[in-house]
Amino acid sequence: MAEIKTEKVNWLDFQAPGEKEISEIKKRFNLHPLVVEEFSTPTLRPKAAEYGNCIYLAIHIPLYDTENKTTYPGELDIAICENSLITAHDLEIYQLTELFNELKKSKKKRELYMNQSPGALLRYILEILLESCFPRLDHISKKLDHIEKEIFSDHEKEMVFEISLVKRDVLNFRRTMKPQRTVFESLLRDNKYIEPELRPYFQDLIGTNIRIWNMLESAKETIESLESTNNSLLSNQLDMTMKVLTIFSAIMLPLTFYSNVMSMSIDIPLHNNPNAFWIHALIMIIIAIFTFAIFKIRKWL
């Protein structure tokens, strides 16, 4: 457990809290059993609820897995009490950890972020977490530009896997962000832990969430269009390959027929002629040219 104390706000942060830590905060803050249960178990969906002497929030932060190249949700449990803010998370949320360490080291930043109320501190935390999404969205945008450039540089096959990675990343990002808006909207309702003067700031957080969602929608439409274009180009390449093979087979068919007829004859025509091989080869070449000419005349090529 890590804690920062000021005259107006105490911030307690738990990473992967165990039974001992949960029992300690339950006794210290007289938390409702349902809140304690929420801290103990994973919450699959974002949630906001008021329990007696506190407000409980469960939100999911989009985190990035560099090894698997995808976004995944990191759960953040928050309890807002009269003079305290409690945060708990199983996975490390580096934005939150960085803010906590900065506040612990810097008196000026504590005066800036922790000089009002737990609700104001919560607003700062949510704002930082939401703003941290934009660099990741910019990274996705750069990936889309790279994929578009490679698609039109005759690297369609190599881009199939890259497109799949970006689609999964965007899908997981959307899945994490979409339900958060209802949680932010719930903070605009009347309650004793969120001051009325803070509501415009939480309304602004909703606007930030909408901007993130709009960027995700744009990324989704772009990657789907790029995938469709890439598939069309790959399909066109396959069609051209099949066309060449079909033409080759069509030209070879009369030559095969001619050679089979010659092999079935008891006396091969011109077999006594010393130039018989070259004469038959010339006849086969003429047949091939004639077949090719028919294809050109019928505009099959």
C-alpha atoms as a PDB file:
ATOM      1  CA  MET A   1       0.000   0.000   0.000  1.00  0.00           C
ATOM      2  CA  ALA A   2       1.221   3.509  -0.863  1.00  0.00           C
ATOM      3  CA  GLU A   3      -0.281   6.664   0.625  1.00  0.00           C
ATOM      4  CA  ILE A   4      -0.020  10.411   0.153  1.00  0.00           C
ATOM      5  CA  LYS A   5      -1.472  12.677   2.835  1.00  0.00           C
ATOM      6  CA  THR A   6      -2.330  16.360   2.602  1.00  0.00           C
ATOM      7  CA  GLU A   7      -4.498  18.595   4.740  1.00  0.00           C
ATOM      8  CA  LYS A   8      -7.541  18.071   2.512  1.00  0.00           C
ATOM      9  CA  VAL A   9      -7.043  14.779   0.682  1.00  0.00           C
ATOM     10  CA  ASN A  10      -5.498  11.385   1.353  1.00  0.00           C
ATOM     11  CA  TRP A  11      -4.733   9.174  -1.619  1.00  0.00           C
ATOM     12  CA  LEU A  12      -4.185   5.464  -1.043  1.00  0.00           C
ATOM     13  CA  ASP A  13      -3.044   3.326  -3.968  1.00  0.00           C
ATOM     14  CA  PHE A  14      -2.946  -0.488  -3.957  1.00  0.00           C
ATOM     15  CA  GLN A  15      -1.432  -2.691  -6.609  1.00  0.00           C
ATOM     16  CA  ALA A  16      -2.693  -6.281  -6.517  1.00  0.00           C
ATOM     17  CA  PRO A  17      -4.180  -5.855  -2.991  1.00  0.00           C
ATOM     18  CA  GLY A  18      -4.283  -8.943  -0.824  1.00  0.00           C
ATOM     19  CA  GLU A  19      -6.636  -9.907   1.985  1.00  0.00           C
ATOM     20  CA  LYS A  20      -4.558  -8.023   4.544  1.00  0.00           C
ATOM     21  CA  GLU A  21      -4.683  -4.721   2.653  1.00  0.00           C
ATOM     22  CA  ILE A  22      -8.384  -5.060   1.858  1.00  0.00           C
ATOM     23  CA  SER A  23      -9.181  -5.862   5.483  1.00  0.00           C
ATOM     24  CA  GLU A  24      -7.156  -2.841   6.587  1.00  0.00           C
ATOM     25  CA  ILE A  25      -8.981  -0.343   4.365  1.00  0.00           C
ATOM     26  CA  LYS A  26     -12.330  -1.908   5.305  1.00  0.00           C
ATOM     27  CA  LYS A  27     -11.706  -1.221   8.991  1.00  0.00           C
ATOM     28  CA  ARG A  28     -10.066   2.162   8.438  1.00  0.00           C
ATOM     29  CA  PHE A  29     -12.795   3.607   6.203  1.00  0.00           C
ATOM     30  CA  ASN A  30     -15.735   1.445   7.323  1.00  0.00           C
ATOM     31  CA  LEU A  31     -16.398   0.437   3.716  1.00  0.00           C
ATOM     32  CA  HIS A  32     -19.583  -1.296   2.673  1.00  0.00           C
ATOM     33  CA  PRO A  33     -19.137  -5.099   2.217  1.00  0.00           C
ATOM     34  CA  LEU A  34     -20.108  -4.763  -1.442  1.00  0.00           C
ATOM     35  CA  VAL A  35     -17.251  -2.301  -2.005  1.00  0.00           C
ATOM     36  CA  VAL A  36     -14.841  -4.673  -0.286  1.00  0.00           C
ATOM     37  CA  GLU A  37     -16.095  -7.475  -2.518  1.00  0.00           C
ATOM     38  CA  GLU A  38     -15.561  -5.314  -5.614  1.00  0.00           C
ATOM     39  CA  PHE A  39     -11.970  -4.666  -4.545  1.00  0.00           C
ATOM     40  CA  SER A  40     -11.442  -8.395  -4.096  1.00  0.00           C
ATOM     41  CA  THR A  41     -12.872  -9.647  -7.394  1.00  0.00           C
ATOM     42  CA  PRO A  42     -12.435  -8.593 -11.044  1.00  0.00           C
ATOM     43  CA  THR A  43     -15.177  -6.423 -12.524  1.00  0.00           C
ATOM     44  CA  LEU A  44     -15.865  -7.281 -16.156  1.00  0.00           C
ATOM     45  CA  ARG A  45     -17.866  -4.130 -16.911  1.00  0.00           C
ATOM     46  CA  PRO A  46     -17.388  -0.486 -15.843  1.00  0.00           C
ATOM     47  CA  LYS A  47     -19.534   0.408 -12.888  1.00  0.00           C
ATOM     48  CA  ALA A  48     -20.514   3.358 -10.716  1.00  0.00           C
ATOM     49  CA  ALA A  49     -22.505   3.055  -7.494  1.00  0.00           C
ATOM     50  CA  GLU A  50     -22.975   4.860  -4.190  1.00  0.00           C
ATOM     51  CA  TYR A  51     -22.663   2.795  -1.016  1.00  0.00           C
ATOM     52  CA  GLY A  52     -23.398   4.702   2.188  1.00  0.00           C
ATOM     53  CA  ASN A  53     -20.226   6.586   3.022  1.00  0.00           C
ATOM     54  CA  CYS A  54     -18.480   6.293  -0.363  1.00  0.00           C
ATOM     55  CA  ILE A  55     -18.834   6.191  -4.128  1.00  0.00           C
ATOM     56  CA  TYR A  56     -17.408   3.156  -5.891  1.00  0.00           C
ATOM     57  CA  LEU A  57     -16.185   3.253  -9.499  1.00  0.00           C
ATOM     58  CA  ALA A  58     -14.788   0.495 -11.674  1.00  0.00           C
ATOM     59  CA  ILE A  59     -13.243   1.641 -14.945  1.00  0.00           C
ATOM     60  CA  HIS A  60     -10.992  -0.024 -17.491  1.00  0.00           C
ATOM     61  CA  ILE A  61      -7.847   1.599 -18.825  1.00  0.00           C
ATOM     62  CA  PRO A  62      -6.517   0.610 -22.270  1.00  0.00           C
ATOM     63  CA  LEU A  63      -3.000  -0.771 -21.762  1.00  0.00           C
ATOM     64  CA  TYR A  64      -0.658  -1.943 -24.506  1.00  0.00           C
ATOM     65  CA  ASP A  65       1.031  -5.343 -24.690  1.00  0.00           C
ATOM     66  CA  THR A  66       4.265  -4.767 -26.622  1.00  0.00           C
ATOM     67  CA  GLU A  67       4.938  -8.489 -27.003  1.00  0.00           C
ATOM     68  CA  ASN A  68       1.583  -9.372 -28.563  1.00  0.00           C
ATOM     69  CA  LYS A  69       1.135  -5.918 -30.132  1.00  0.00           C
ATOM     70  CA  THR A  70      -2.375  -5.367 -28.864  1.00  0.00           C
ATOM     71  CA  THR A  71      -4.391  -3.291 -26.418  1.00  0.00           C
ATOM     72  CA  TYR A  72      -5.939  -4.921 -23.366  1.00  0.00           C
ATOM     73  CA  PRO A  73      -8.066  -3.530 -20.499  1.00  0.00           C
ATOM     74  CA  GLY A  74      -6.569  -2.859 -17.092  1.00  0.00           C
ATOM     75  CA  GLU A  75      -9.147  -2.587 -14.295  1.00  0.00           C
ATOM     76  CA  LEU A  76      -8.987   0.337 -11.887  1.00  0.00           C
ATOM     77  CA  ASP A  77     -11.183   0.241  -8.765  1.00  0.00           C
ATOM     78  CA  ILE A  78     -11.841   3.605  -7.098  1.00  0.00           C
ATOM     79  CA  ALA A  79     -13.550   4.489  -3.836  1.00  0.00           C
ATOM     80  CA  ILE A  80     -14.268   8.145  -2.989  1.00  0.00           C
ATOM     81  CA  CYS A  81     -14.771   8.779   0.707  1.00  0.00           C
ATOM     82  CA  GLU A  82     -15.208  12.022   2.633  1.00  0.00           C
ATOM     83  CA  ASN A  83     -11.539  13.037   2.657  1.00  0.00           C
ATOM     84  CA  SER A  84      -9.892  10.109   0.914  1.00  0.00           C
ATOM     85  CA  LEU A  85      -9.478   8.580  -2.510  1.00  0.00           C
ATOM     86  CA  ILE A  86      -8.673   4.861  -2.723  1.00  0.00           C
ATOM     87  CA  THR A  87      -7.431   3.270  -5.942  1.00  0.00           C
ATOM     88  CA  ALA A  88      -6.677  -0.407  -6.490  1.00  0.00           C
ATOM     89  CA  HIS A  89      -5.478  -2.283  -9.586  1.00  0.00           C
ATOM     90  CA  ASP A  90      -4.098  -5.765 -10.242  1.00  0.00           C
ATOM     91  CA  LEU A  91      -1.961  -4.678 -13.207  1.00  0.00           C
ATOM     92  CA  GLU A  92       0.465  -1.789 -13.186  1.00  0.00           C
ATOM     93  CA  ILE A  93      -1.071   1.294 -14.775  1.00  0.00           C
ATOM     94  CA  TYR A  94       2.037   3.304 -15.528  1.00  0.00           C
ATOM     95  CA  GLN A  95       0.188   6.629 -15.980  1.00  0.00           C
ATOM     96  CA  LEU A  96      -1.307   6.294 -12.504  1.00  0.00           C
ATOM     97  CA  THR A  97       1.972   5.154 -10.960  1.00  0.00           C
ATOM     98  CA  GLU A  98       3.837   8.036 -12.575  1.00  0.00           C
ATOM     99  CA  LEU A  99       1.314  10.588 -11.276  1.00  0.00           C
ATOM    100  CA  PHE A 100       1.433   9.081  -7.769  1.00  0.00           C
ATOM    101  CA  ASN A 101       5.247   9.210  -7.680  1.00  0.00           C
ATOM    102  CA  GLU A 102       5.286  12.797  -8.950  1.00  0.00           C
ATOM    103  CA  LEU A 103       2.850  13.889  -6.256  1.00  0.00           C
ATOM    104  CA  LYS A 104       4.856  12.095  -3.593  1.00  0.00           C
ATOM    105  CA  LYS A 105       8.080  13.842  -4.625  1.00  0.00           C
ATOM    106  CA  SER A 106       6.793  17.306  -5.501  1.00  0.00           C
ATOM    107  CA  LYS A 107       5.111  19.596  -2.977  1.00  0.00           C
ATOM    108  CA  LYS A 108       4.076  21.966  -5.773  1.00  0.00           C
ATOM    109  CA  LYS A 109       2.216  19.218  -7.592  1.00  0.00           C
ATOM    110  CA  ARG A 110       0.508  18.129  -4.382  1.00  0.00           C
ATOM    111  CA  GLU A 111      -0.672  21.718  -3.949  1.00  0.00           C
ATOM    112  CA  LEU A 112      -1.935  21.675  -7.514  1.00  0.00           C
ATOM    113  CA  TYR A 113      -3.711  18.310  -7.556  1.00  0.00           C
ATOM    114  CA  MET A 114      -4.589  17.682  -3.912  1.00  0.00           C
ATOM    115  CA  ASN A 115      -5.620  21.086  -2.548  1.00  0.00           C
ATOM    116  CA  GLN A 116      -9.388  20.745  -3.056  1.00  0.00           C
ATOM    117  CA  SER A 117     -11.183  17.448  -2.509  1.00  0.00           C
ATOM    118  CA  PRO A 118     -11.107  13.737  -3.453  1.00  0.00           C
ATOM    119  CA  GLY A 119     -13.534  14.543  -6.278  1.00  0.00           C
ATOM    120  CA  ALA A 120     -11.127  17.092  -7.755  1.00  0.00           C
ATOM    121  CA  LEU A 121      -8.230  14.614  -7.473  1.00  0.00           C
ATOM    122  CA  LEU A 122     -10.382  12.001  -9.194  1.00  0.00           C
ATOM    123  CA  ARG A 123     -11.029  14.443 -12.035  1.00  0.00           C
ATOM    124  CA  TYR A 124      -7.272  14.976 -12.512  1.00  0.00           C
ATOM    125  CA  ILE A 125      -6.614  11.231 -12.485  1.00  0.00           C
ATOM    126  CA  LEU A 126      -9.331  10.479 -15.036  1.00  0.00           C
ATOM    127  CA  GLU A 127      -8.164  13.356 -17.224  1.00  0.00           C
ATOM    128  CA  ILE A 128      -4.581  12.040 -17.255  1.00  0.00           C
ATOM    129  CA  LEU A 129      -5.731   8.499 -17.998  1.00  0.00           C
ATOM    130  CA  LEU A 130      -7.912   9.653 -20.890  1.00  0.00           C
ATOM    131  CA  GLU A 131      -5.279  11.979 -22.318  1.00  0.00           C
ATOM    132  CA  SER A 132      -2.804   9.085 -22.317  1.00  0.00           C
ATOM    133  CA  CYS A 133      -4.979   7.411 -24.974  1.00  0.00           C
ATOM    134  CA  PHE A 134      -4.173  10.013 -27.628  1.00  0.00           C
ATOM    135  CA  PRO A 135      -0.481   9.082 -28.144  1.00  0.00           C
ATOM    136  CA  ARG A 136      -1.573   5.466 -28.634  1.00  0.00           C
ATOM    137  CA  LEU A 137      -4.209   6.559 -31.135  1.00  0.00           C
ATOM    138  CA  ASP A 138      -1.549   8.569 -32.974  1.00  0.00           C
ATOM    139  CA  HIS A 139       0.555   5.414 -33.084  1.00  0.00           C
ATOM    140  CA  ILE A 140      -2.356   3.523 -34.636  1.00  0.00           C
ATOM    141  CA  SER A 141      -2.759   6.332 -37.167  1.00  0.00           C
ATOM    142  CA  LYS A 142       0.923   6.016 -38.132  1.00  0.00           C
ATOM    143  CA  LYS A 143       0.462   2.259 -38.554  1.00  0.00           C
ATOM    144  CA  LEU A 144      -2.467   2.905 -40.879  1.00  0.00           C
ATOM    145  CA  ASP A 145      -0.366   5.297 -42.965  1.00  0.00           C
ATOM    146  CA  HIS A 146       2.413   2.707 -43.143  1.00  0.00           C
ATOM    147  CA  ILE A 147      -0.011  -0.043 -44.200  1.00  0.00           C
ATOM    148  CA  GLU A 148      -1.537   2.176 -46.890  1.00  0.00           C
ATOM    149  CA  LYS A 149       1.911   2.986 -48.281  1.00  0.00           C
ATOM    150  CA  GLU A 150       2.966  -0.681 -48.317  1.00  0.00           C
ATOM    151  CA  ILE A 151      -0.260  -1.850 -49.948  1.00  0.00           C
ATOM    152  CA  PHE A 152       0.342   0.394 -52.937  1.00  0.00           C
ATOM    153  CA  SER A 153       4.016  -0.579 -53.065  1.00  0.00           C
ATOM    154  CA  ASP A 154       3.191  -4.172 -54.130  1.00  0.00           C
ATOM    155  CA  HIS A 155       3.547  -5.601 -50.611  1.00  0.00           C
ATOM    156  CA  GLU A 156      -0.031  -6.832 -50.300  1.00  0.00           C
ATOM    157  CA  LYS A 157       0.863 -10.292 -48.967  1.00  0.00           C
ATOM    158  CA  GLU A 158       3.080  -8.888 -46.202  1.00  0.00           C
ATOM    159  CA  MET A 159       0.300  -6.520 -45.107  1.00  0.00           C
ATOM    160  CA  VAL A 160      -2.289  -9.250 -44.449  1.00  0.00           C
ATOM    161  CA  PHE A 161      -0.814  -9.999 -41.006  1.00  0.00           C
ATOM    162  CA  GLU A 162      -0.154  -6.325 -40.219  1.00  0.00           C
ATOM    163  CA  ILE A 163      -3.768  -5.456 -40.998  1.00  0.00           C
ATOM    164  CA  SER A 164      -4.950  -8.247 -38.694  1.00  0.00           C
ATOM    165  CA  LEU A 165      -2.807  -6.887 -35.836  1.00  0.00           C
ATOM    166  CA  VAL A 166      -4.129  -3.347 -36.219  1.00  0.00           C
ATOM    167  CA  LYS A 167      -7.733  -4.594 -36.488  1.00  0.00           C
ATOM    168  CA  ARG A 168      -7.328  -6.530 -33.243  1.00  0.00           C
ATOM    169  CA  ASP A 169      -5.728  -3.515 -31.560  1.00  0.00           C
ATOM    170  CA  VAL A 170      -8.548  -1.186 -32.618  1.00  0.00           C
ATOM    171  CA  LEU A 171     -11.196  -3.761 -31.643  1.00  0.00           C
ATOM    172  CA  ASN A 172      -9.765  -4.224 -28.139  1.00  0.00           C
ATOM    173  CA  PHE A 173      -9.353  -0.461 -27.728  1.00  0.00           C
ATOM    174  CA  ARG A 174     -13.009   0.091 -28.701  1.00  0.00           C
ATOM    175  CA  ARG A 175     -14.160  -2.697 -26.395  1.00  0.00           C
ATOM    176  CA  THR A 176     -12.338  -1.020 -23.504  1.00  0.00           C
ATOM    177  CA  MET A 177     -13.471   2.557 -24.137  1.00  0.00           C
ATOM    178  CA  LYS A 178     -17.095   2.224 -25.215  1.00  0.00           C
ATOM    179  CA  PRO A 179     -18.715   1.468 -21.802  1.00  0.00           C
ATOM    180  CA  GLN A 180     -16.762   4.189 -19.921  1.00  0.00           C
ATOM    181  CA  ARG A 181     -19.057   7.034 -20.926  1.00  0.00           C
ATOM    182  CA  THR A 182     -21.901   5.864 -18.691  1.00  0.00           C
ATOM    183  CA  VAL A 183     -19.545   5.911 -15.686  1.00  0.00           C
ATOM    184  CA  PHE A 184     -18.505   9.517 -16.379  1.00  0.00           C
ATOM    185  CA  GLU A 185     -22.139  10.536 -16.875  1.00  0.00           C
ATOM    186  CA  SER A 186     -23.050   9.030 -13.502  1.00  0.00           C
ATOM    187  CA  LEU A 187     -20.588  11.423 -11.826  1.00  0.00           C
ATOM    188  CA  LEU A 188     -22.705  14.367 -13.015  1.00  0.00           C
ATOM    189  CA  ARG A 189     -25.601  13.304 -10.797  1.00  0.00           C
ATOM    190  CA  ASP A 190     -26.142  14.828  -7.390  1.00  0.00           C
ATOM    191  CA  ASN A 191     -23.969  13.239  -4.707  1.00  0.00           C
ATOM    192  CA  LYS A 192     -22.138  14.529  -1.667  1.00  0.00           C
ATOM    193  CA  TYR A 193     -18.638  13.562  -2.813  1.00  0.00           C
ATOM    194  CA  ILE A 194     -18.605  15.378  -6.176  1.00  0.00           C
ATOM    195  CA  GLU A 195     -18.979  19.119  -5.743  1.00  0.00           C
ATOM    196  CA  PRO A 196     -21.381  20.901  -8.145  1.00  0.00           C
ATOM    197  CA  GLU A 197     -18.551  23.154  -9.354  1.00  0.00           C
ATOM    198  CA  LEU A 198     -16.689  20.065 -10.603  1.00  0.00           C
ATOM    199  CA  ARG A 199     -19.482  18.985 -12.949  1.00  0.00           C
ATOM    200  CA  PRO A 200     -18.281  21.081 -15.923  1.00  0.00           C
ATOM    201  CA  TYR A 201     -14.905  19.332 -15.626  1.00  0.00           C
ATOM    202  CA  PHE A 202     -16.512  15.892 -15.640  1.00  0.00           C
ATOM    203  CA  GLN A 203     -18.629  17.014 -18.595  1.00  0.00           C
ATOM    204  CA  ASP A 204     -15.362  17.871 -20.337  1.00  0.00           C
ATOM    205  CA  LEU A 205     -14.123  14.338 -19.580  1.00  0.00           C
ATOM    206  CA  ILE A 206     -17.189  13.004 -21.379  1.00  0.00           C
ATOM    207  CA  GLY A 207     -16.236  15.181 -24.349  1.00  0.00           C
ATOM    208  CA  THR A 208     -12.707  13.760 -24.264  1.00  0.00           C
ATOM    209  CA  ASN A 209     -14.135  10.240 -24.176  1.00  0.00           C
ATOM    210  CA  ILE A 210     -16.285  11.067 -27.220  1.00  0.00           C
ATOM    211  CA  ARG A 211     -13.244  12.395 -29.105  1.00  0.00           C
ATOM    212  CA  ILE A 212     -11.369   9.172 -28.366  1.00  0.00           C
ATOM    213  CA  TRP A 213     -14.349   7.128 -29.547  1.00  0.00           C
ATOM    214  CA  ASN A 214     -14.614   9.168 -32.764  1.00  0.00           C
ATOM    215  CA  MET A 215     -10.932   8.577 -33.477  1.00  0.00           C
ATOM    216  CA  LEU A 216     -11.433   4.859 -32.885  1.00  0.00           C
ATOM    217  CA  GLU A 217     -14.419   4.870 -35.253  1.00  0.00           C
ATOM    218  CA  SER A 218     -12.295   6.574 -37.898  1.00  0.00           C
ATOM    219  CA  ALA A 219      -9.474   4.060 -37.373  1.00  0.00           C
ATOM    220  CA  LYS A 220     -11.958   1.183 -37.631  1.00  0.00           C
ATOM    221  CA  GLU A 221     -13.389   2.465 -40.920  1.00  0.00           C
ATOM    222  CA  THR A 222      -9.898   3.130 -42.307  1.00  0.00           C
ATOM    223  CA  ILE A 223      -8.484  -0.303 -41.481  1.00  0.00           C
ATOM    224  CA  GLU A 224     -11.579  -1.996 -42.887  1.00  0.00           C
ATOM    225  CA  SER A 225     -11.218  -0.010 -46.127  1.00  0.00           C
ATOM    226  CA  LEU A 226      -7.518  -0.838 -46.326  1.00  0.00           C
ATOM    227  CA  GLU A 227      -8.287  -4.511 -45.740  1.00  0.00           C
ATOM    228  CA  SER A 228     -10.892  -4.449 -48.518  1.00  0.00           C
ATOM    229  CA  THR A 229      -8.432  -2.745 -50.885  1.00  0.00           C
ATOM    230  CA  ASN A 230      -5.669  -5.183 -49.982  1.00  0.00           C
ATOM    231  CA  ASN A 231      -7.967  -8.165 -50.551  1.00  0.00           C
ATOM    232  CA  SER A 232      -9.032  -6.736 -53.919  1.00  0.00           C
ATOM    233  CA  LEU A 233      -5.423  -6.356 -55.019  1.00  0.00           C
ATOM    234  CA  LEU A 234      -4.576  -9.869 -53.857  1.00  0.00           C
ATOM    235  CA  SER A 235      -7.634 -11.219 -55.647  1.00  0.00           C
ATOM    236  CA  ASN A 236      -6.630  -9.374 -58.823  1.00  0.00           C
ATOM    237  CA  GLN A 237      -3.136 -10.858 -58.622  1.00  0.00           C
ATOM    238  CA  LEU A 238      -4.625 -14.329 -58.212  1.00  0.00           C
ATOM    239  CA  ASP A 239      -6.962 -13.734 -61.164  1.00  0.00           C
ATOM    240  CA  MET A 240      -4.013 -12.698 -63.336  1.00  0.00           C
ATOM    241  CA  THR A 241      -2.068 -15.786 -62.292  1.00  0.00           C
ATOM    242  CA  MET A 242      -5.005 -18.056 -63.074  1.00  0.00           C
ATOM    243  CA  LYS A 243      -5.496 -16.284 -66.401  1.00  0.00           C
ATOM    244  CA  VAL A 244      -1.871 -16.910 -67.415  1.00  0.00           C
ATOM    245  CA  LEU A 245      -2.083 -20.563 -66.376  1.00  0.00           C
ATOM    246  CA  THR A 246      -5.368 -20.991 -68.260  1.00  0.00           C
ATOM    247  CA  ILE A 247      -3.914 -19.472 -71.441  1.00  0.00           C
ATOM    248  CA  PHE A 248      -0.828 -21.636 -71.136  1.00  0.00           C
ATOM    249  CA  SER A 249      -2.997 -24.754 -70.711  1.00  0.00           C
ATOM    250  CA  ALA A 250      -5.200 -23.749 -73.666  1.00  0.00           C
ATOM    251  CA  ILE A 251      -2.169 -23.287 -75.931  1.00  0.00           C
ATOM    252  CA  MET A 252      -0.651 -26.574 -74.808  1.00  0.00           C
ATOM    253  CA  LEU A 253      -3.878 -28.540 -75.366  1.00  0.00           C
ATOM    254  CA  PRO A 254      -3.759 -28.678 -79.243  1.00  0.00           C
ATOM    255  CA  LEU A 255      -0.016 -29.370 -79.087  1.00  0.00           C
ATOM    256  CA  THR A 256      -0.646 -32.291 -76.748  1.00  0.00           C
ATOM    257  CA  PHE A 257      -3.398 -33.539 -79.064  1.00  0.00           C
ATOM    258  CA  TYR A 258      -1.081 -33.295 -82.096  1.00  0.00           C
ATOM    259  CA  SER A 259       1.772 -35.153 -80.369  1.00  0.00           C
ATOM    260  CA  ASN A 260      -0.604 -37.887 -79.169  1.00  0.00           C
ATOM    261  CA  VAL A 261      -2.008 -38.384 -82.688  1.00  0.00           C
ATOM    262  CA  MET A 262       1.500 -38.656 -84.071  1.00  0.00           C
ATOM    263  CA  SER A 263       2.480 -41.197 -81.423  1.00  0.00           C
ATOM    264  CA  MET A 264      -0.577 -43.372 -82.228  1.00  0.00           C
ATOM    265  CA  SER A 265       0.303 -43.617 -85.936  1.00  0.00           C
ATOM    266  CA  ILE A 266       2.061 -46.799 -87.043  1.00  0.00           C
ATOM    267  CA  ASP A 267       3.965 -44.837 -89.618  1.00  0.00           C
ATOM    268  CA  ILE A 268       4.748 -41.345 -88.358  1.00  0.00           C
ATOM    269  CA  PRO A 269       4.489 -38.892 -91.261  1.00  0.00           C
ATOM    270  CA  LEU A 270       7.886 -37.838 -92.586  1.00  0.00           C
ATOM    271  CA  HIS A 271       9.595 -40.430 -90.395  1.00  0.00           C
ATOM    272  CA  ASN A 272      12.108 -41.071 -93.183  1.00  0.00           C
ATOM    273  CA  ASN A 273      12.886 -37.384 -93.541  1.00  0.00           C
ATOM    274  CA  PRO A 274      16.101 -36.416 -91.721  1.00  0.00           C
ATOM    275  CA  ASN A 275      14.462 -33.126 -90.717  1.00  0.00           C
ATOM    276  CA  ALA A 276      11.231 -34.734 -89.461  1.00  0.00           C
ATOM    277  CA  PHE A 277      11.742 -33.526 -85.883  1.00  0.00           C
ATOM    278  CA  TRP A 278      12.164 -29.921 -86.943  1.00  0.00           C
ATOM    279  CA  ILE A 279       9.204 -30.102 -89.345  1.00  0.00           C
ATOM    280  CA  HIS A 280       6.892 -31.412 -86.582  1.00  0.00           C
ATOM    281  CA  ALA A 281       8.287 -28.844 -84.152  1.00  0.00           C
ATOM    282  CA  LEU A 282       7.547 -26.096 -86.689  1.00  0.00           C
ATOM    283  CA  ILE A 283       3.987 -27.399 -87.172  1.00  0.00           C
ATOM    284  CA  MET A 284       3.472 -27.333 -83.369  1.00  0.00           C
ATOM    285  CA  ILE A 285       4.824 -23.787 -83.196  1.00  0.00           C
ATOM    286  CA  ILE A 286       2.406 -22.751 -85.952  1.00  0.00           C
ATOM    287  CA  ILE A 287      -0.482 -24.374 -84.056  1.00  0.00           C
ATOM    288  CA  ALA A 288       0.565 -22.520 -80.886  1.00  0.00           C
ATOM    289  CA  ILE A 289       0.752 -19.194 -82.755  1.00  0.00           C
ATOM    290  CA  PHE A 290      -2.649 -19.864 -84.364  1.00  0.00           C
ATOM    291  CA  THR A 291      -4.187 -20.645 -80.954  1.00  0.00           C
ATOM    292  CA  PHE A 292      -2.647 -17.515 -79.461  1.00  0.00           C
ATOM    293  CA  ALA A 293      -3.978 -15.451 -82.375  1.00  0.00           C
ATOM    294  CA  ILE A 294      -7.500 -16.780 -81.771  1.00  0.00           C
ATOM    295  CA  PHE A 295      -7.234 -15.685 -78.121  1.00  0.00           C
ATOM    296  CA  LYS A 296      -6.173 -12.197 -79.242  1.00  0.00           C
ATOM    297  CA  ILE A 297      -8.925 -11.921 -81.852  1.00  0.00           C
ATOM    298  CA  ARG A 298     -11.600 -12.962 -79.344  1.00  0.00           C
ATOM    299  CA  LYS A 299     -10.037 -10.517 -76.819  1.00  0.00           C
ATOM    300  CA  TRP A 300      -9.500 -13.207 -74.216  1.00  0.00           C
ATOM    301  CA  LEU A 301      -6.046 -11.748 -73.528  1.00  0.00           C
END
